[in-house]
Amino acid sequence: MSIEYYALHRTPNYTLLRLVSSDHTNKLSRACVCAWKAAIEKLAEDALPLIITGNEHFFSAGADLHEIAQLTGPAAFEFAQLGQNLMRAVDLFPAPVIAAVQGYCMGGGLDLALACDFRIAAPDAVFGHRGAALGLMTGWGGTQRLPRLIGKARALEMFILAEKVSAKRALQMGLVSRIADDPIKSAVETLSKPSCHWRFPW
């Protein structure tokens, strides 16, 4: 399994999957997307609850814009499909998936958090889809998942205005389930409750 794009911490009750990168912004490059998809599909075989996180400053800055700028039409379509496949693997994971978000959760990183079942944010977490400010729009499923979660009007506001949303406002909007000083600890505590021994049917 790759150690360049993520780090795993396994316990008998859950797995922590941490996104890592050399610049610590956790950009979702093509190679990173492929590595994450393979890791999540492998972890699905154990069907243990999964916590996805980044570092204290970045959950993920989103897709690698320098890489995107080099894509032609067919290559861009392939990259969109790769991202969709990753989000689908998270969405269809056979056990609960919690995004523990600290710092920036932007663009494709927000798409990844949206594909999780729950999102727990640190007080300093920041969410956004900034693509419109760059003439871009996500092709990784965020345009479908975000309106379903927070409503069409608020989702359009986030997409069109390309605004940054604080953890407090994200909670008010229903984008996150709760705010916790230590979102990973909060996720672990949630999964440790007897009532949370879930198994999903897909």
N, C-alpha and C. Protein backbone atom coordinates (compact mmCIF):
# COMPACT_ATOMS: atom_id res chain seq x y z
N MET A 1 0.84 -1.19 0.00
CA MET A 1 0.00 0.00 0.00
C MET A 1 0.88 1.25 0.00
N SER A 2 0.40 2.31 -0.65
CA SER A 2 1.18 3.52 -0.78
C SER A 2 1.40 4.20 0.56
N ILE A 3 2.61 4.74 0.77
CA ILE A 3 2.85 5.55 1.96
C ILE A 3 3.16 6.98 1.55
N GLU A 4 3.04 7.29 0.26
CA GLU A 4 3.37 8.61 -0.23
C GLU A 4 2.19 9.57 -0.12
N TYR A 5 0.99 9.07 -0.24
CA TYR A 5 -0.19 9.92 -0.30
C TYR A 5 -1.10 9.77 0.91
N TYR A 6 -0.87 8.81 1.74
CA TYR A 6 -1.70 8.64 2.93
C TYR A 6 -0.95 7.81 3.97
N ALA A 7 -1.48 7.89 5.20
CA ALA A 7 -0.95 7.07 6.30
C ALA A 7 -2.13 6.40 6.97
N LEU A 8 -1.95 5.15 7.37
CA LEU A 8 -3.03 4.38 7.99
C LEU A 8 -2.72 4.11 9.46
N HIS A 9 -3.75 4.21 10.27
CA HIS A 9 -3.68 3.78 11.67
C HIS A 9 -4.85 2.84 11.90
N ARG A 10 -4.55 1.57 12.15
CA ARG A 10 -5.59 0.56 12.29
C ARG A 10 -5.81 0.22 13.77
N THR A 11 -7.06 0.04 14.13
CA THR A 11 -7.43 -0.44 15.45
C THR A 11 -8.46 -1.56 15.24
N PRO A 12 -8.80 -2.30 16.30
CA PRO A 12 -9.81 -3.35 16.12
C PRO A 12 -11.19 -2.80 15.78
N ASN A 13 -11.43 -1.50 16.06
CA ASN A 13 -12.77 -0.95 15.91
C ASN A 13 -12.93 0.03 14.76
N TYR A 14 -11.83 0.58 14.27
CA TYR A 14 -11.90 1.56 13.18
C TYR A 14 -10.53 1.70 12.53
N THR A 15 -10.53 2.37 11.37
CA THR A 15 -9.28 2.69 10.69
C THR A 15 -9.22 4.20 10.47
N LEU A 16 -8.09 4.80 10.76
CA LEU A 16 -7.87 6.21 10.48
C LEU A 16 -7.03 6.32 9.22
N LEU A 17 -7.55 7.02 8.24
CA LEU A 17 -6.86 7.23 6.96
C LEU A 17 -6.52 8.71 6.86
N ARG A 18 -5.24 9.02 6.90
CA ARG A 18 -4.79 10.42 6.91
C ARG A 18 -4.14 10.78 5.57
N LEU A 19 -4.65 11.83 4.95
CA LEU A 19 -4.08 12.32 3.71
C LEU A 19 -2.80 13.07 4.00
N VAL A 20 -1.74 12.75 3.27
CA VAL A 20 -0.45 13.43 3.46
C VAL A 20 0.09 13.86 2.10
N SER A 21 0.91 14.90 2.12
CA SER A 21 1.59 15.35 0.90
C SER A 21 2.85 16.08 1.31
N SER A 22 3.77 16.20 0.38
CA SER A 22 5.06 16.82 0.69
C SER A 22 4.93 18.29 1.06
N ASP A 23 3.92 18.98 0.50
CA ASP A 23 3.73 20.40 0.81
C ASP A 23 2.69 20.63 1.90
N HIS A 24 2.14 19.55 2.42
CA HIS A 24 1.19 19.58 3.54
C HIS A 24 -0.17 20.20 3.21
N THR A 25 -0.43 20.48 1.93
CA THR A 25 -1.74 21.03 1.55
C THR A 25 -2.70 19.93 1.10
N ASN A 26 -2.17 18.74 0.92
CA ASN A 26 -3.00 17.58 0.57
C ASN A 26 -3.82 17.79 -0.70
N LYS A 27 -3.16 18.34 -1.71
CA LYS A 27 -3.82 18.50 -3.01
C LYS A 27 -4.13 17.13 -3.61
N LEU A 28 -5.25 17.05 -4.28
CA LEU A 28 -5.68 15.78 -4.86
C LEU A 28 -5.21 15.69 -6.31
N SER A 29 -3.99 15.24 -6.48
CA SER A 29 -3.45 15.01 -7.81
C SER A 29 -4.01 13.71 -8.37
N ARG A 30 -3.75 13.47 -9.64
CA ARG A 30 -4.20 12.23 -10.26
C ARG A 30 -3.65 11.02 -9.51
N ALA A 31 -2.36 11.05 -9.20
CA ALA A 31 -1.73 9.92 -8.50
C ALA A 31 -2.33 9.73 -7.12
N CYS A 32 -2.62 10.85 -6.43
CA CYS A 32 -3.20 10.77 -5.10
C CYS A 32 -4.60 10.17 -5.15
N VAL A 33 -5.40 10.62 -6.12
CA VAL A 33 -6.76 10.10 -6.26
C VAL A 33 -6.74 8.59 -6.49
N CYS A 34 -5.84 8.14 -7.36
CA CYS A 34 -5.74 6.70 -7.65
C CYS A 34 -5.30 5.93 -6.41
N ALA A 35 -4.33 6.47 -5.67
CA ALA A 35 -3.83 5.79 -4.47
C ALA A 35 -4.92 5.71 -3.41
N TRP A 36 -5.66 6.79 -3.23
CA TRP A 36 -6.73 6.79 -2.24
C TRP A 36 -7.83 5.82 -2.60
N LYS A 37 -8.21 5.79 -3.86
CA LYS A 37 -9.28 4.87 -4.28
C LYS A 37 -8.86 3.42 -4.01
N ALA A 38 -7.62 3.08 -4.35
CA ALA A 38 -7.14 1.72 -4.11
C ALA A 38 -7.13 1.40 -2.63
N ALA A 39 -6.72 2.37 -1.80
CA ALA A 39 -6.68 2.15 -0.36
C ALA A 39 -8.07 1.93 0.22
N ILE A 40 -9.02 2.74 -0.21
CA ILE A 40 -10.38 2.64 0.33
C ILE A 40 -11.04 1.34 -0.12
N GLU A 41 -10.81 0.92 -1.35
CA GLU A 41 -11.36 -0.35 -1.81
C GLU A 41 -10.76 -1.51 -1.03
N LYS A 42 -9.48 -1.43 -0.68
CA LYS A 42 -8.85 -2.48 0.11
C LYS A 42 -9.42 -2.50 1.53
N LEU A 43 -9.60 -1.31 2.12
CA LEU A 43 -10.15 -1.22 3.47
C LEU A 43 -11.59 -1.68 3.53
N ALA A 44 -12.30 -1.56 2.43
CA ALA A 44 -13.70 -2.00 2.39
C ALA A 44 -13.84 -3.49 2.64
N GLU A 45 -12.77 -4.24 2.37
CA GLU A 45 -12.83 -5.68 2.58
C GLU A 45 -12.97 -6.01 4.07
N ASP A 46 -12.41 -5.17 4.94
CA ASP A 46 -12.54 -5.38 6.39
C ASP A 46 -13.84 -4.82 6.94
N ALA A 47 -14.42 -3.86 6.23
CA ALA A 47 -15.71 -3.25 6.60
C ALA A 47 -15.70 -2.66 8.01
N LEU A 48 -14.54 -2.14 8.44
CA LEU A 48 -14.47 -1.41 9.70
C LEU A 48 -14.81 0.05 9.46
N PRO A 49 -15.43 0.74 10.42
CA PRO A 49 -15.66 2.18 10.27
C PRO A 49 -14.36 2.90 9.92
N LEU A 50 -14.51 3.98 9.16
CA LEU A 50 -13.35 4.68 8.62
C LEU A 50 -13.42 6.15 9.00
N ILE A 51 -12.30 6.68 9.48
CA ILE A 51 -12.17 8.12 9.73
C ILE A 51 -11.16 8.66 8.73
N ILE A 52 -11.57 9.66 7.97
CA ILE A 52 -10.69 10.30 6.98
C ILE A 52 -10.32 11.68 7.49
N THR A 53 -9.04 12.00 7.45
CA THR A 53 -8.59 13.29 7.97
C THR A 53 -7.37 13.77 7.20
N GLY A 54 -6.94 14.98 7.53
CA GLY A 54 -5.73 15.54 6.93
C GLY A 54 -4.76 15.92 8.04
N ASN A 55 -4.28 17.15 8.00
CA ASN A 55 -3.44 17.65 9.10
C ASN A 55 -4.13 18.85 9.75
N GLU A 56 -3.45 19.49 10.68
CA GLU A 56 -4.11 20.55 11.45
C GLU A 56 -4.40 21.80 10.62
N HIS A 57 -3.76 21.94 9.47
CA HIS A 57 -3.97 23.13 8.64
C HIS A 57 -4.78 22.85 7.38
N PHE A 58 -4.70 21.64 6.89
CA PHE A 58 -5.40 21.28 5.65
C PHE A 58 -6.02 19.89 5.75
N PHE A 59 -7.34 19.83 5.61
CA PHE A 59 -7.95 18.54 5.28
C PHE A 59 -7.54 18.22 3.85
N SER A 60 -7.85 19.13 2.95
CA SER A 60 -7.35 19.06 1.57
C SER A 60 -7.63 20.38 0.88
N ALA A 61 -6.62 20.87 0.14
CA ALA A 61 -6.79 22.09 -0.64
C ALA A 61 -7.55 21.85 -1.93
N GLY A 62 -7.89 20.58 -2.20
CA GLY A 62 -8.64 20.26 -3.42
C GLY A 62 -7.75 19.77 -4.53
N ALA A 63 -8.30 19.72 -5.72
CA ALA A 63 -7.56 19.22 -6.87
C ALA A 63 -6.33 20.08 -7.15
N ASP A 64 -5.30 19.47 -7.69
CA ASP A 64 -4.06 20.16 -8.03
C ASP A 64 -4.29 21.03 -9.26
N LEU A 65 -4.39 22.34 -9.08
CA LEU A 65 -4.73 23.25 -10.18
C LEU A 65 -3.65 23.31 -11.25
N HIS A 66 -2.39 23.14 -10.84
CA HIS A 66 -1.31 23.13 -11.84
C HIS A 66 -1.46 21.92 -12.76
N GLU A 67 -1.88 20.81 -12.20
CA GLU A 67 -2.10 19.61 -13.00
C GLU A 67 -3.31 19.79 -13.90
N ILE A 68 -4.37 20.37 -13.37
CA ILE A 68 -5.59 20.60 -14.15
C ILE A 68 -5.32 21.51 -15.34
N ALA A 69 -4.48 22.52 -15.13
CA ALA A 69 -4.20 23.48 -16.20
C ALA A 69 -3.54 22.83 -17.41
N GLN A 70 -2.93 21.68 -17.22
CA GLN A 70 -2.24 20.99 -18.32
C GLN A 70 -3.14 20.00 -19.06
N LEU A 71 -4.35 19.82 -18.58
CA LEU A 71 -5.22 18.79 -19.14
C LEU A 71 -5.91 19.25 -20.42
N THR A 72 -5.97 18.35 -21.41
CA THR A 72 -6.78 18.57 -22.60
C THR A 72 -8.18 18.04 -22.33
N GLY A 73 -9.08 18.19 -23.29
CA GLY A 73 -10.46 17.75 -23.12
C GLY A 73 -10.60 16.30 -22.69
N PRO A 74 -10.07 15.34 -23.44
CA PRO A 74 -10.19 13.93 -23.06
C PRO A 74 -9.53 13.61 -21.72
N ALA A 75 -8.36 14.22 -21.47
CA ALA A 75 -7.66 13.97 -20.21
C ALA A 75 -8.44 14.57 -19.04
N ALA A 76 -9.08 15.72 -19.27
CA ALA A 76 -9.89 16.33 -18.21
C ALA A 76 -11.10 15.45 -17.89
N PHE A 77 -11.69 14.87 -18.91
CA PHE A 77 -12.83 13.97 -18.70
C PHE A 77 -12.40 12.74 -17.89
N GLU A 78 -11.22 12.21 -18.23
CA GLU A 78 -10.70 11.05 -17.50
C GLU A 78 -10.44 11.41 -16.03
N PHE A 79 -9.89 12.62 -15.80
CA PHE A 79 -9.60 13.06 -14.43
C PHE A 79 -10.89 13.21 -13.64
N ALA A 80 -11.94 13.73 -14.28
CA ALA A 80 -13.24 13.85 -13.63
C ALA A 80 -13.77 12.47 -13.24
N GLN A 81 -13.60 11.51 -14.14
CA GLN A 81 -14.07 10.15 -13.84
C GLN A 81 -13.29 9.53 -12.68
N LEU A 82 -11.98 9.79 -12.64
CA LEU A 82 -11.16 9.26 -11.55
C LEU A 82 -11.66 9.80 -10.21
N GLY A 83 -11.93 11.12 -10.17
CA GLY A 83 -12.43 11.71 -8.95
C GLY A 83 -13.79 11.16 -8.56
N GLN A 84 -14.65 10.99 -9.53
CA GLN A 84 -15.97 10.43 -9.27
C GLN A 84 -15.87 9.01 -8.72
N ASN A 85 -14.92 8.25 -9.25
CA ASN A 85 -14.73 6.87 -8.78
C ASN A 85 -14.26 6.84 -7.32
N LEU A 86 -13.40 7.79 -6.96
CA LEU A 86 -12.95 7.88 -5.58
C LEU A 86 -14.12 8.21 -4.66
N MET A 87 -14.91 9.23 -5.05
CA MET A 87 -16.05 9.63 -4.21
C MET A 87 -17.06 8.50 -4.10
N ARG A 88 -17.24 7.75 -5.17
CA ARG A 88 -18.18 6.63 -5.14
C ARG A 88 -17.69 5.54 -4.19
N ALA A 89 -16.38 5.31 -4.19
CA ALA A 89 -15.82 4.30 -3.28
C ALA A 89 -16.05 4.68 -1.83
N VAL A 90 -15.95 5.97 -1.53
CA VAL A 90 -16.23 6.45 -0.17
C VAL A 90 -17.72 6.35 0.12
N ASP A 91 -18.53 6.80 -0.83
CA ASP A 91 -19.98 6.81 -0.67
C ASP A 91 -20.54 5.41 -0.43
N LEU A 92 -19.96 4.42 -1.09
CA LEU A 92 -20.46 3.05 -1.01
C LEU A 92 -19.70 2.19 -0.01
N PHE A 93 -18.87 2.80 0.79
CA PHE A 93 -18.10 2.05 1.79
C PHE A 93 -19.06 1.29 2.71
N PRO A 94 -18.78 0.03 3.03
CA PRO A 94 -19.75 -0.81 3.74
C PRO A 94 -19.85 -0.55 5.25
N ALA A 95 -19.22 0.49 5.74
CA ALA A 95 -19.30 0.87 7.15
C ALA A 95 -19.30 2.39 7.21
N PRO A 96 -19.65 2.97 8.35
CA PRO A 96 -19.68 4.43 8.46
C PRO A 96 -18.33 5.07 8.15
N VAL A 97 -18.38 6.21 7.47
CA VAL A 97 -17.18 6.98 7.15
C VAL A 97 -17.37 8.39 7.71
N ILE A 98 -16.44 8.82 8.54
CA ILE A 98 -16.50 10.16 9.14
C ILE A 98 -15.31 10.98 8.66
N ALA A 99 -15.59 12.19 8.17
CA ALA A 99 -14.54 13.14 7.83
C ALA A 99 -14.24 13.99 9.06
N ALA A 100 -13.01 13.93 9.55
CA ALA A 100 -12.57 14.75 10.67
C ALA A 100 -11.76 15.91 10.08
N VAL A 101 -12.37 17.09 10.06
CA VAL A 101 -11.84 18.20 9.27
C VAL A 101 -11.19 19.25 10.15
N GLN A 102 -9.93 19.51 9.87
CA GLN A 102 -9.20 20.62 10.47
C GLN A 102 -8.67 21.49 9.34
N GLY A 103 -8.60 22.78 9.56
CA GLY A 103 -8.06 23.68 8.54
C GLY A 103 -8.93 23.75 7.30
N TYR A 104 -8.28 23.90 6.16
CA TYR A 104 -8.99 24.14 4.90
C TYR A 104 -9.50 22.85 4.28
N CYS A 105 -10.75 22.90 3.87
CA CYS A 105 -11.41 21.79 3.17
C CYS A 105 -12.05 22.39 1.93
N MET A 106 -11.33 22.37 0.82
CA MET A 106 -11.73 23.16 -0.34
C MET A 106 -11.89 22.30 -1.59
N GLY A 107 -12.77 22.72 -2.48
CA GLY A 107 -12.90 22.11 -3.79
C GLY A 107 -13.09 20.61 -3.74
N GLY A 108 -12.17 19.89 -4.37
CA GLY A 108 -12.23 18.43 -4.37
C GLY A 108 -12.12 17.85 -2.97
N GLY A 109 -11.45 18.57 -2.06
CA GLY A 109 -11.40 18.12 -0.68
C GLY A 109 -12.77 18.16 -0.03
N LEU A 110 -13.56 19.20 -0.37
CA LEU A 110 -14.93 19.27 0.13
C LEU A 110 -15.77 18.17 -0.50
N ASP A 111 -15.55 17.88 -1.79
CA ASP A 111 -16.26 16.76 -2.42
C ASP A 111 -16.00 15.47 -1.67
N LEU A 112 -14.75 15.27 -1.25
CA LEU A 112 -14.39 14.08 -0.50
C LEU A 112 -15.12 14.04 0.85
N ALA A 113 -15.15 15.16 1.55
CA ALA A 113 -15.86 15.22 2.83
C ALA A 113 -17.35 14.98 2.63
N LEU A 114 -17.91 15.50 1.54
CA LEU A 114 -19.34 15.32 1.26
C LEU A 114 -19.68 13.86 0.98
N ALA A 115 -18.73 13.11 0.45
CA ALA A 115 -18.97 11.70 0.17
C ALA A 115 -19.00 10.86 1.44
N CYS A 116 -18.49 11.41 2.55
CA CYS A 116 -18.52 10.71 3.83
C CYS A 116 -19.93 10.78 4.43
N ASP A 117 -20.18 9.91 5.39
CA ASP A 117 -21.50 9.88 6.02
C ASP A 117 -21.69 11.04 7.00
N PHE A 118 -20.61 11.42 7.69
CA PHE A 118 -20.68 12.51 8.66
C PHE A 118 -19.42 13.35 8.53
N ARG A 119 -19.54 14.62 8.95
CA ARG A 119 -18.41 15.54 8.94
C ARG A 119 -18.34 16.20 10.31
N ILE A 120 -17.20 16.05 10.97
CA ILE A 120 -16.95 16.72 12.25
C ILE A 120 -15.83 17.72 12.02
N ALA A 121 -16.07 18.97 12.41
CA ALA A 121 -15.13 20.04 12.09
C ALA A 121 -14.47 20.60 13.34
N ALA A 122 -13.20 20.97 13.21
CA ALA A 122 -12.53 21.73 14.25
C ALA A 122 -13.03 23.18 14.17
N PRO A 123 -12.91 23.95 15.25
CA PRO A 123 -13.40 25.34 15.24
C PRO A 123 -12.78 26.19 14.14
N ASP A 124 -11.54 25.85 13.72
CA ASP A 124 -10.87 26.66 12.70
C ASP A 124 -11.05 26.12 11.29
N ALA A 125 -11.89 25.12 11.11
CA ALA A 125 -12.09 24.54 9.78
C ALA A 125 -12.73 25.56 8.85
N VAL A 126 -12.34 25.50 7.59
CA VAL A 126 -12.88 26.40 6.56
C VAL A 126 -13.28 25.56 5.35
N PHE A 127 -14.49 25.78 4.87
CA PHE A 127 -15.01 25.01 3.75
C PHE A 127 -15.28 25.92 2.56
N GLY A 128 -15.17 25.36 1.35
CA GLY A 128 -15.51 26.17 0.19
C GLY A 128 -15.31 25.44 -1.12
N HIS A 129 -16.05 25.90 -2.12
CA HIS A 129 -15.85 25.48 -3.50
C HIS A 129 -15.48 26.74 -4.26
N ARG A 130 -14.19 26.95 -4.45
CA ARG A 130 -13.67 28.20 -5.01
C ARG A 130 -13.54 28.16 -6.52
N GLY A 131 -14.00 27.08 -7.14
CA GLY A 131 -13.79 26.91 -8.57
C GLY A 131 -14.35 28.03 -9.42
N ALA A 132 -15.52 28.57 -9.07
CA ALA A 132 -16.14 29.61 -9.89
C ALA A 132 -15.25 30.84 -10.01
N ALA A 133 -14.46 31.12 -8.97
CA ALA A 133 -13.54 32.26 -9.01
C ALA A 133 -12.41 32.02 -10.00
N LEU A 134 -12.22 30.77 -10.39
CA LEU A 134 -11.15 30.40 -11.32
C LEU A 134 -11.70 29.94 -12.67
N GLY A 135 -13.00 30.05 -12.83
CA GLY A 135 -13.62 29.60 -14.08
C GLY A 135 -13.77 28.09 -14.15
N LEU A 136 -13.85 27.44 -12.99
CA LEU A 136 -13.95 25.99 -12.94
C LEU A 136 -15.19 25.57 -12.16
N MET A 137 -15.62 24.34 -12.38
CA MET A 137 -16.70 23.76 -11.58
C MET A 137 -16.36 22.30 -11.33
N THR A 138 -16.60 21.86 -10.12
CA THR A 138 -16.23 20.50 -9.76
C THR A 138 -16.94 19.47 -10.63
N GLY A 139 -16.20 18.43 -10.96
CA GLY A 139 -16.78 17.31 -11.70
C GLY A 139 -16.77 16.03 -10.89
N TRP A 140 -16.63 16.18 -9.55
CA TRP A 140 -16.46 15.02 -8.68
C TRP A 140 -17.69 14.73 -7.82
N GLY A 141 -18.83 15.26 -8.20
CA GLY A 141 -20.06 14.93 -7.50
C GLY A 141 -20.54 15.95 -6.49
N GLY A 142 -19.75 16.98 -6.25
CA GLY A 142 -20.15 17.97 -5.26
C GLY A 142 -21.40 18.74 -5.64
N THR A 143 -21.62 18.93 -6.95
CA THR A 143 -22.80 19.66 -7.39
C THR A 143 -24.08 18.88 -7.11
N GLN A 144 -23.96 17.58 -6.86
CA GLN A 144 -25.12 16.76 -6.50
C GLN A 144 -25.24 16.60 -4.98
N ARG A 145 -24.12 16.31 -4.33
CA ARG A 145 -24.17 16.00 -2.90
C ARG A 145 -24.41 17.24 -2.04
N LEU A 146 -23.82 18.37 -2.41
CA LEU A 146 -23.97 19.56 -1.58
C LEU A 146 -25.42 20.05 -1.52
N PRO A 147 -26.14 20.18 -2.66
CA PRO A 147 -27.55 20.60 -2.56
C PRO A 147 -28.42 19.63 -1.78
N ARG A 148 -28.13 18.34 -1.89
CA ARG A 148 -28.91 17.37 -1.14
C ARG A 148 -28.70 17.54 0.36
N LEU A 149 -27.52 18.00 0.73
CA LEU A 149 -27.18 18.12 2.16
C LEU A 149 -27.68 19.43 2.75
N ILE A 150 -27.48 20.55 2.06
CA ILE A 150 -27.78 21.86 2.65
C ILE A 150 -28.87 22.62 1.90
N GLY A 151 -29.40 22.06 0.83
CA GLY A 151 -30.43 22.74 0.06
C GLY A 151 -29.86 23.44 -1.15
N LYS A 152 -30.68 23.57 -2.17
CA LYS A 152 -30.23 24.12 -3.46
C LYS A 152 -29.76 25.56 -3.34
N ALA A 153 -30.52 26.40 -2.62
CA ALA A 153 -30.18 27.82 -2.56
C ALA A 153 -28.83 28.05 -1.90
N ARG A 154 -28.61 27.40 -0.77
CA ARG A 154 -27.34 27.59 -0.07
C ARG A 154 -26.18 26.99 -0.85
N ALA A 155 -26.42 25.86 -1.52
CA ALA A 155 -25.37 25.25 -2.33
C ALA A 155 -24.98 26.16 -3.49
N LEU A 156 -25.98 26.74 -4.16
CA LEU A 156 -25.69 27.66 -5.27
C LEU A 156 -24.90 28.87 -4.77
N GLU A 157 -25.24 29.33 -3.58
CA GLU A 157 -24.50 30.46 -3.01
C GLU A 157 -23.03 30.10 -2.83
N MET A 158 -22.77 28.91 -2.31
CA MET A 158 -21.39 28.49 -2.12
C MET A 158 -20.66 28.33 -3.45
N PHE A 159 -21.35 27.74 -4.44
CA PHE A 159 -20.72 27.52 -5.74
C PHE A 159 -20.49 28.82 -6.50
N ILE A 160 -21.52 29.64 -6.62
CA ILE A 160 -21.45 30.82 -7.48
C ILE A 160 -20.61 31.93 -6.86
N LEU A 161 -20.78 32.15 -5.56
CA LEU A 161 -20.02 33.21 -4.90
C LEU A 161 -18.61 32.77 -4.53
N ALA A 162 -18.35 31.47 -4.61
CA ALA A 162 -17.03 30.92 -4.28
C ALA A 162 -16.58 31.39 -2.90
N GLU A 163 -17.52 31.44 -1.97
CA GLU A 163 -17.21 31.95 -0.63
C GLU A 163 -16.58 30.89 0.26
N LYS A 164 -15.88 31.36 1.26
CA LYS A 164 -15.33 30.48 2.29
C LYS A 164 -16.32 30.45 3.46
N VAL A 165 -16.56 29.26 3.98
CA VAL A 165 -17.54 29.06 5.04
C VAL A 165 -16.83 28.59 6.30
N SER A 166 -17.05 29.30 7.40
CA SER A 166 -16.44 28.93 8.68
C SER A 166 -17.11 27.68 9.24
N ALA A 167 -16.47 27.08 10.22
CA ALA A 167 -17.03 25.89 10.86
C ALA A 167 -18.38 26.22 11.50
N LYS A 168 -18.48 27.39 12.14
CA LYS A 168 -19.73 27.78 12.79
C LYS A 168 -20.86 27.89 11.78
N ARG A 169 -20.58 28.53 10.65
CA ARG A 169 -21.64 28.66 9.64
C ARG A 169 -21.93 27.31 9.00
N ALA A 170 -20.90 26.49 8.82
CA ALA A 170 -21.10 25.16 8.24
C ALA A 170 -22.04 24.34 9.12
N LEU A 171 -21.92 24.49 10.44
CA LEU A 171 -22.81 23.79 11.35
C LEU A 171 -24.24 24.31 11.21
N GLN A 172 -24.38 25.62 11.11
CA GLN A 172 -25.70 26.23 10.95
C GLN A 172 -26.36 25.78 9.64
N MET A 173 -25.55 25.61 8.61
CA MET A 173 -26.07 25.22 7.30
C MET A 173 -26.40 23.73 7.22
N GLY A 174 -25.86 22.96 8.16
CA GLY A 174 -26.03 21.51 8.10
C GLY A 174 -24.95 20.82 7.32
N LEU A 175 -23.89 21.54 7.00
CA LEU A 175 -22.78 20.96 6.25
C LEU A 175 -21.96 20.01 7.11
N VAL A 176 -21.85 20.32 8.40
CA VAL A 176 -21.14 19.45 9.34
C VAL A 176 -22.10 19.01 10.44
N SER A 177 -21.80 17.88 11.06
CA SER A 177 -22.64 17.33 12.12
C SER A 177 -22.38 17.99 13.46
N ARG A 178 -21.11 18.34 13.70
CA ARG A 178 -20.76 18.99 14.97
C ARG A 178 -19.40 19.64 14.84
N ILE A 179 -19.11 20.50 15.81
CA ILE A 179 -17.80 21.13 15.94
C ILE A 179 -17.14 20.59 17.19
N ALA A 180 -15.87 20.20 17.09
CA ALA A 180 -15.15 19.66 18.23
C ALA A 180 -13.71 20.15 18.19
N ASP A 181 -13.15 20.44 19.36
CA ASP A 181 -11.75 20.90 19.42
C ASP A 181 -10.82 19.86 18.81
N ASP A 182 -11.13 18.60 19.01
CA ASP A 182 -10.35 17.50 18.43
C ASP A 182 -11.32 16.63 17.63
N PRO A 183 -11.50 16.90 16.34
CA PRO A 183 -12.49 16.16 15.56
C PRO A 183 -12.19 14.67 15.43
N ILE A 184 -10.92 14.30 15.45
CA ILE A 184 -10.59 12.87 15.37
C ILE A 184 -11.03 12.17 16.64
N LYS A 185 -10.74 12.76 17.79
CA LYS A 185 -11.17 12.19 19.07
C LYS A 185 -12.70 12.09 19.11
N SER A 186 -13.37 13.12 18.65
CA SER A 186 -14.83 13.12 18.63
C SER A 186 -15.36 12.01 17.73
N ALA A 187 -14.70 11.81 16.58
CA ALA A 187 -15.12 10.73 15.67
C ALA A 187 -14.93 9.37 16.32
N VAL A 188 -13.79 9.18 16.99
CA VAL A 188 -13.52 7.90 17.67
C VAL A 188 -14.56 7.66 18.76
N GLU A 189 -14.88 8.68 19.53
CA GLU A 189 -15.88 8.54 20.59
C GLU A 189 -17.25 8.19 20.01
N THR A 190 -17.58 8.79 18.89
CA THR A 190 -18.85 8.48 18.23
C THR A 190 -18.90 7.02 17.81
N LEU A 191 -17.81 6.54 17.22
CA LEU A 191 -17.78 5.16 16.74
C LEU A 191 -17.69 4.16 17.89
N SER A 192 -17.29 4.63 19.08
CA SER A 192 -17.16 3.73 20.23
C SER A 192 -18.48 3.47 20.93
N LYS A 193 -19.50 4.26 20.62
CA LYS A 193 -20.80 4.08 21.27
C LYS A 193 -21.44 2.78 20.80
N PRO A 194 -22.02 2.00 21.71
CA PRO A 194 -22.66 0.73 21.32
C PRO A 194 -23.71 0.91 20.24
N SER A 195 -24.41 2.04 20.26
CA SER A 195 -25.47 2.28 19.27
C SER A 195 -24.93 2.56 17.89
N CYS A 196 -23.60 2.71 17.78
CA CYS A 196 -23.00 3.07 16.50
C CYS A 196 -22.27 1.91 15.85
N HIS A 197 -22.62 0.68 16.21
CA HIS A 197 -22.04 -0.50 15.55
C HIS A 197 -22.84 -0.78 14.28
N TRP A 198 -22.75 0.17 13.34
CA TRP A 198 -23.57 0.11 12.14
C TRP A 198 -22.95 -0.81 11.11
N ARG A 199 -23.77 -1.33 10.26
CA ARG A 199 -23.33 -1.95 9.01
C ARG A 199 -24.35 -1.58 7.97
N PHE A 200 -23.89 -1.02 6.88
CA PHE A 200 -24.80 -0.56 5.86
C PHE A 200 -25.05 -1.67 4.84
N PRO A 201 -26.18 -1.66 4.17
CA PRO A 201 -26.58 -2.78 3.32
C PRO A 201 -25.90 -2.85 1.96
N TRP A 202 -25.18 -1.79 1.54
CA TRP A 202 -24.61 -1.84 0.19
C TRP A 202 -23.23 -2.48 0.16
